Amino acid sequence: MATAKSKLKCNTPVKTPNHPTKSHMVKACDGGKEKLIRFGSQGAKTYPPKKGESQKAKDTRKAWYARHEENIAKGKMSAAYWSAKVKW
């Protein structure tokens, strides 16, 4: 399955429903560099913030951020950054 990176907008995540393993992709642009990043497991349960959510959901999100904070800190050129922004 080929994706034309040139047709994507910079730093705008899109869903990839037909990709076998990854749920989203983004053309990450930073400092003149471009990189196609696929992120998120297809069909994985995620916890986007919701008003009045349960304590369990908050704890799950907090644990996910704790596990991935080092990779999120790498910035736009990492899959963890985009996963945190879109899915968590």
N, C-alpha and C. Protein backbone atom coordinates (compact mmCIF):
# COMPACT_ATOMS: atom_id res chain seq x y z
N MET A 1 0.85 -1.19 0.00
CA MET A 1 0.00 0.00 0.00
C MET A 1 0.89 1.24 0.00
N ALA A 2 0.91 1.97 -1.06
CA ALA A 2 1.76 3.14 -1.19
C ALA A 2 0.99 4.41 -0.83
N THR A 3 1.68 5.31 -0.16
CA THR A 3 1.09 6.59 0.20
C THR A 3 1.97 7.69 -0.37
N ALA A 4 1.36 8.63 -1.06
CA ALA A 4 2.12 9.74 -1.63
C ALA A 4 2.34 10.79 -0.54
N LYS A 5 3.54 10.78 0.02
CA LYS A 5 3.88 11.71 1.09
C LYS A 5 3.72 13.15 0.63
N SER A 6 3.98 13.39 -0.64
CA SER A 6 3.91 14.75 -1.17
C SER A 6 2.48 15.31 -1.15
N LYS A 7 1.49 14.43 -1.15
CA LYS A 7 0.10 14.90 -1.17
C LYS A 7 -0.43 15.24 0.22
N LEU A 8 0.27 14.82 1.29
CA LEU A 8 -0.19 15.08 2.65
C LEU A 8 0.23 16.47 3.12
N LYS A 9 -0.59 17.06 3.98
CA LYS A 9 -0.25 18.34 4.59
C LYS A 9 0.70 18.09 5.74
N CYS A 10 1.60 19.01 5.98
CA CYS A 10 2.54 18.89 7.09
C CYS A 10 1.80 18.91 8.43
N ASN A 11 2.21 18.02 9.31
CA ASN A 11 1.75 17.97 10.69
C ASN A 11 0.23 17.88 10.84
N THR A 12 -0.41 17.17 9.91
CA THR A 12 -1.85 16.95 9.97
C THR A 12 -2.11 15.44 9.95
N PRO A 13 -2.41 14.85 11.12
CA PRO A 13 -2.63 13.40 11.17
C PRO A 13 -3.90 12.99 10.42
N VAL A 14 -3.84 11.82 9.80
CA VAL A 14 -4.99 11.27 9.11
C VAL A 14 -5.16 9.80 9.51
N LYS A 15 -6.41 9.33 9.50
CA LYS A 15 -6.68 7.94 9.81
C LYS A 15 -6.28 7.06 8.64
N THR A 16 -5.87 5.84 8.94
CA THR A 16 -5.53 4.86 7.91
C THR A 16 -6.32 3.58 8.17
N PRO A 17 -7.62 3.60 7.88
CA PRO A 17 -8.47 2.46 8.21
C PRO A 17 -8.11 1.17 7.47
N ASN A 18 -7.46 1.27 6.33
CA ASN A 18 -7.12 0.08 5.56
C ASN A 18 -5.70 -0.42 5.79
N HIS A 19 -4.94 0.26 6.65
CA HIS A 19 -3.58 -0.20 6.94
C HIS A 19 -3.67 -1.43 7.85
N PRO A 20 -2.85 -2.44 7.62
CA PRO A 20 -2.98 -3.68 8.40
C PRO A 20 -2.65 -3.54 9.89
N THR A 21 -1.75 -2.62 10.27
CA THR A 21 -1.37 -2.56 11.69
C THR A 21 -1.51 -1.18 12.33
N LYS A 22 -1.33 -0.11 11.59
CA LYS A 22 -1.32 1.23 12.18
C LYS A 22 -2.60 2.00 11.87
N SER A 23 -3.09 2.74 12.87
CA SER A 23 -4.39 3.40 12.73
C SER A 23 -4.31 4.82 12.16
N HIS A 24 -3.15 5.47 12.27
CA HIS A 24 -2.99 6.85 11.80
C HIS A 24 -1.63 7.03 11.15
N MET A 25 -1.50 8.11 10.39
CA MET A 25 -0.21 8.52 9.84
C MET A 25 -0.18 10.04 9.76
N VAL A 26 1.03 10.56 9.68
CA VAL A 26 1.21 12.00 9.59
C VAL A 26 2.51 12.27 8.84
N LYS A 27 2.51 13.34 8.05
CA LYS A 27 3.77 13.80 7.45
C LYS A 27 4.32 14.82 8.43
N ALA A 28 5.30 14.41 9.22
CA ALA A 28 5.89 15.29 10.22
C ALA A 28 6.91 16.19 9.54
N CYS A 29 6.79 17.48 9.77
CA CYS A 29 7.70 18.46 9.20
C CYS A 29 8.30 19.29 10.33
N ASP A 30 9.61 19.33 10.38
CA ASP A 30 10.28 20.08 11.44
C ASP A 30 11.66 20.50 10.95
N GLY A 31 11.94 21.77 10.96
CA GLY A 31 13.25 22.27 10.57
C GLY A 31 13.68 21.91 9.16
N GLY A 32 12.74 21.90 8.23
CA GLY A 32 13.06 21.59 6.85
C GLY A 32 13.09 20.10 6.53
N LYS A 33 12.90 19.25 7.53
CA LYS A 33 12.89 17.81 7.32
C LYS A 33 11.45 17.32 7.25
N GLU A 34 11.23 16.30 6.43
CA GLU A 34 9.92 15.66 6.32
C GLU A 34 10.07 14.17 6.58
N LYS A 35 9.08 13.61 7.28
CA LYS A 35 9.14 12.19 7.60
C LYS A 35 7.72 11.66 7.70
N LEU A 36 7.45 10.54 7.06
CA LEU A 36 6.14 9.90 7.16
C LEU A 36 6.16 8.98 8.38
N ILE A 37 5.27 9.25 9.32
CA ILE A 37 5.21 8.49 10.56
C ILE A 37 3.86 7.80 10.66
N ARG A 38 3.88 6.51 10.88
CA ARG A 38 2.67 5.75 11.14
C ARG A 38 2.65 5.45 12.63
N PHE A 39 1.48 5.60 13.26
CA PHE A 39 1.40 5.40 14.70
C PHE A 39 0.04 4.87 15.11
N GLY A 40 -0.03 4.31 16.32
CA GLY A 40 -1.28 3.80 16.87
C GLY A 40 -1.63 2.42 16.34
N SER A 41 -1.95 1.53 17.24
CA SER A 41 -2.35 0.19 16.83
C SER A 41 -3.78 0.18 16.30
N GLN A 42 -3.98 -0.52 15.21
CA GLN A 42 -5.30 -0.66 14.63
C GLN A 42 -6.21 -1.40 15.63
N GLY A 43 -7.30 -0.80 16.02
CA GLY A 43 -8.25 -1.44 16.92
C GLY A 43 -7.91 -1.35 18.40
N ALA A 44 -6.86 -0.61 18.75
CA ALA A 44 -6.48 -0.49 20.16
C ALA A 44 -7.46 0.42 20.90
N LYS A 45 -7.68 0.11 22.16
CA LYS A 45 -8.54 0.95 22.99
C LYS A 45 -7.70 2.11 23.51
N THR A 46 -8.16 3.32 23.29
CA THR A 46 -7.45 4.50 23.78
C THR A 46 -8.36 5.29 24.69
N TYR A 47 -7.81 6.25 25.36
CA TYR A 47 -8.57 7.01 26.35
C TYR A 47 -8.47 8.51 26.08
N PRO A 48 -9.20 9.03 25.11
CA PRO A 48 -9.20 10.48 24.93
C PRO A 48 -9.90 11.14 26.12
N PRO A 49 -9.44 12.31 26.54
CA PRO A 49 -10.07 12.96 27.70
C PRO A 49 -11.56 13.20 27.49
N LYS A 50 -12.32 12.86 28.49
CA LYS A 50 -13.75 13.08 28.43
C LYS A 50 -14.20 13.77 29.70
N LYS A 51 -15.19 14.62 29.57
CA LYS A 51 -15.73 15.31 30.72
C LYS A 51 -16.42 14.29 31.64
N GLY A 52 -16.09 14.33 32.91
CA GLY A 52 -16.71 13.42 33.86
C GLY A 52 -16.25 11.98 33.73
N GLU A 53 -15.02 11.76 33.25
CA GLU A 53 -14.53 10.40 33.07
C GLU A 53 -14.23 9.72 34.41
N SER A 54 -14.11 8.42 34.39
CA SER A 54 -13.86 7.65 35.61
C SER A 54 -12.41 7.82 36.06
N GLN A 55 -12.18 7.51 37.31
CA GLN A 55 -10.82 7.56 37.85
C GLN A 55 -9.93 6.53 37.16
N LYS A 56 -10.49 5.37 36.81
CA LYS A 56 -9.72 4.34 36.13
C LYS A 56 -9.19 4.85 34.79
N ALA A 57 -10.03 5.56 34.03
CA ALA A 57 -9.61 6.11 32.74
C ALA A 57 -8.50 7.14 32.95
N LYS A 58 -8.62 7.98 33.97
CA LYS A 58 -7.57 8.97 34.26
C LYS A 58 -6.26 8.28 34.62
N ASP A 59 -6.35 7.23 35.43
CA ASP A 59 -5.16 6.49 35.83
C ASP A 59 -4.49 5.80 34.65
N THR A 60 -5.31 5.27 33.74
CA THR A 60 -4.79 4.61 32.55
C THR A 60 -4.03 5.61 31.68
N ARG A 61 -4.61 6.79 31.48
CA ARG A 61 -3.96 7.83 30.68
C ARG A 61 -2.65 8.26 31.33
N LYS A 62 -2.69 8.47 32.64
CA LYS A 62 -1.51 8.91 33.38
C LYS A 62 -0.38 7.88 33.25
N ALA A 63 -0.71 6.60 33.35
CA ALA A 63 0.29 5.53 33.22
C ALA A 63 0.88 5.50 31.82
N TRP A 64 0.02 5.71 30.80
CA TRP A 64 0.51 5.70 29.42
C TRP A 64 1.51 6.83 29.20
N TYR A 65 1.17 8.04 29.68
CA TYR A 65 2.08 9.17 29.54
C TYR A 65 3.39 8.92 30.29
N ALA A 66 3.32 8.31 31.46
CA ALA A 66 4.53 8.01 32.23
C ALA A 66 5.44 7.05 31.48
N ARG A 67 4.85 6.04 30.82
CA ARG A 67 5.65 5.07 30.07
C ARG A 67 6.30 5.68 28.84
N HIS A 68 5.64 6.64 28.24
CA HIS A 68 6.10 7.16 26.95
C HIS A 68 6.66 8.58 26.98
N GLU A 69 6.78 9.18 28.15
CA GLU A 69 7.17 10.59 28.22
C GLU A 69 8.52 10.88 27.58
N GLU A 70 9.46 9.95 27.67
CA GLU A 70 10.78 10.17 27.07
C GLU A 70 10.68 10.28 25.56
N ASN A 71 9.88 9.43 24.94
CA ASN A 71 9.71 9.46 23.49
C ASN A 71 8.83 10.62 23.04
N ILE A 72 7.83 11.00 23.85
CA ILE A 72 6.98 12.14 23.52
C ILE A 72 7.82 13.41 23.48
N ALA A 73 8.79 13.49 24.38
CA ALA A 73 9.65 14.68 24.47
C ALA A 73 10.55 14.85 23.25
N LYS A 74 10.69 13.82 22.44
CA LYS A 74 11.52 13.93 21.23
C LYS A 74 10.89 14.87 20.21
N GLY A 75 9.60 15.13 20.33
CA GLY A 75 8.95 16.11 19.47
C GLY A 75 8.24 15.53 18.28
N LYS A 76 7.97 16.39 17.31
CA LYS A 76 7.14 16.06 16.16
C LYS A 76 7.64 14.90 15.31
N MET A 77 8.91 14.60 15.40
CA MET A 77 9.46 13.55 14.55
C MET A 77 9.38 12.16 15.19
N SER A 78 8.59 12.03 16.26
CA SER A 78 8.44 10.72 16.91
C SER A 78 6.97 10.28 16.87
N ALA A 79 6.77 8.98 16.77
CA ALA A 79 5.42 8.43 16.74
C ALA A 79 4.71 8.64 18.08
N ALA A 80 5.46 8.60 19.18
CA ALA A 80 4.86 8.77 20.51
C ALA A 80 4.25 10.17 20.65
N TYR A 81 4.89 11.18 20.10
CA TYR A 81 4.38 12.55 20.14
C TYR A 81 2.99 12.61 19.50
N TRP A 82 2.88 12.02 18.32
CA TRP A 82 1.62 12.07 17.58
C TRP A 82 0.55 11.19 18.23
N SER A 83 0.96 10.06 18.77
CA SER A 83 0.01 9.19 19.47
C SER A 83 -0.56 9.90 20.69
N ALA A 84 0.29 10.60 21.43
CA ALA A 84 -0.16 11.33 22.61
C ALA A 84 -1.14 12.45 22.21
N LYS A 85 -0.84 13.10 21.11
CA LYS A 85 -1.66 14.22 20.66
C LYS A 85 -3.02 13.77 20.12
N VAL A 86 -3.04 12.66 19.38
CA VAL A 86 -4.25 12.23 18.68
C VAL A 86 -5.06 11.19 19.45
N LYS A 87 -4.39 10.21 20.03
CA LYS A 87 -5.09 9.07 20.60
C LYS A 87 -5.24 9.09 22.11
N TRP A 88 -4.43 9.88 22.82
CA TRP A 88 -4.47 9.88 24.28
C TRP A 88 -4.78 11.26 24.80
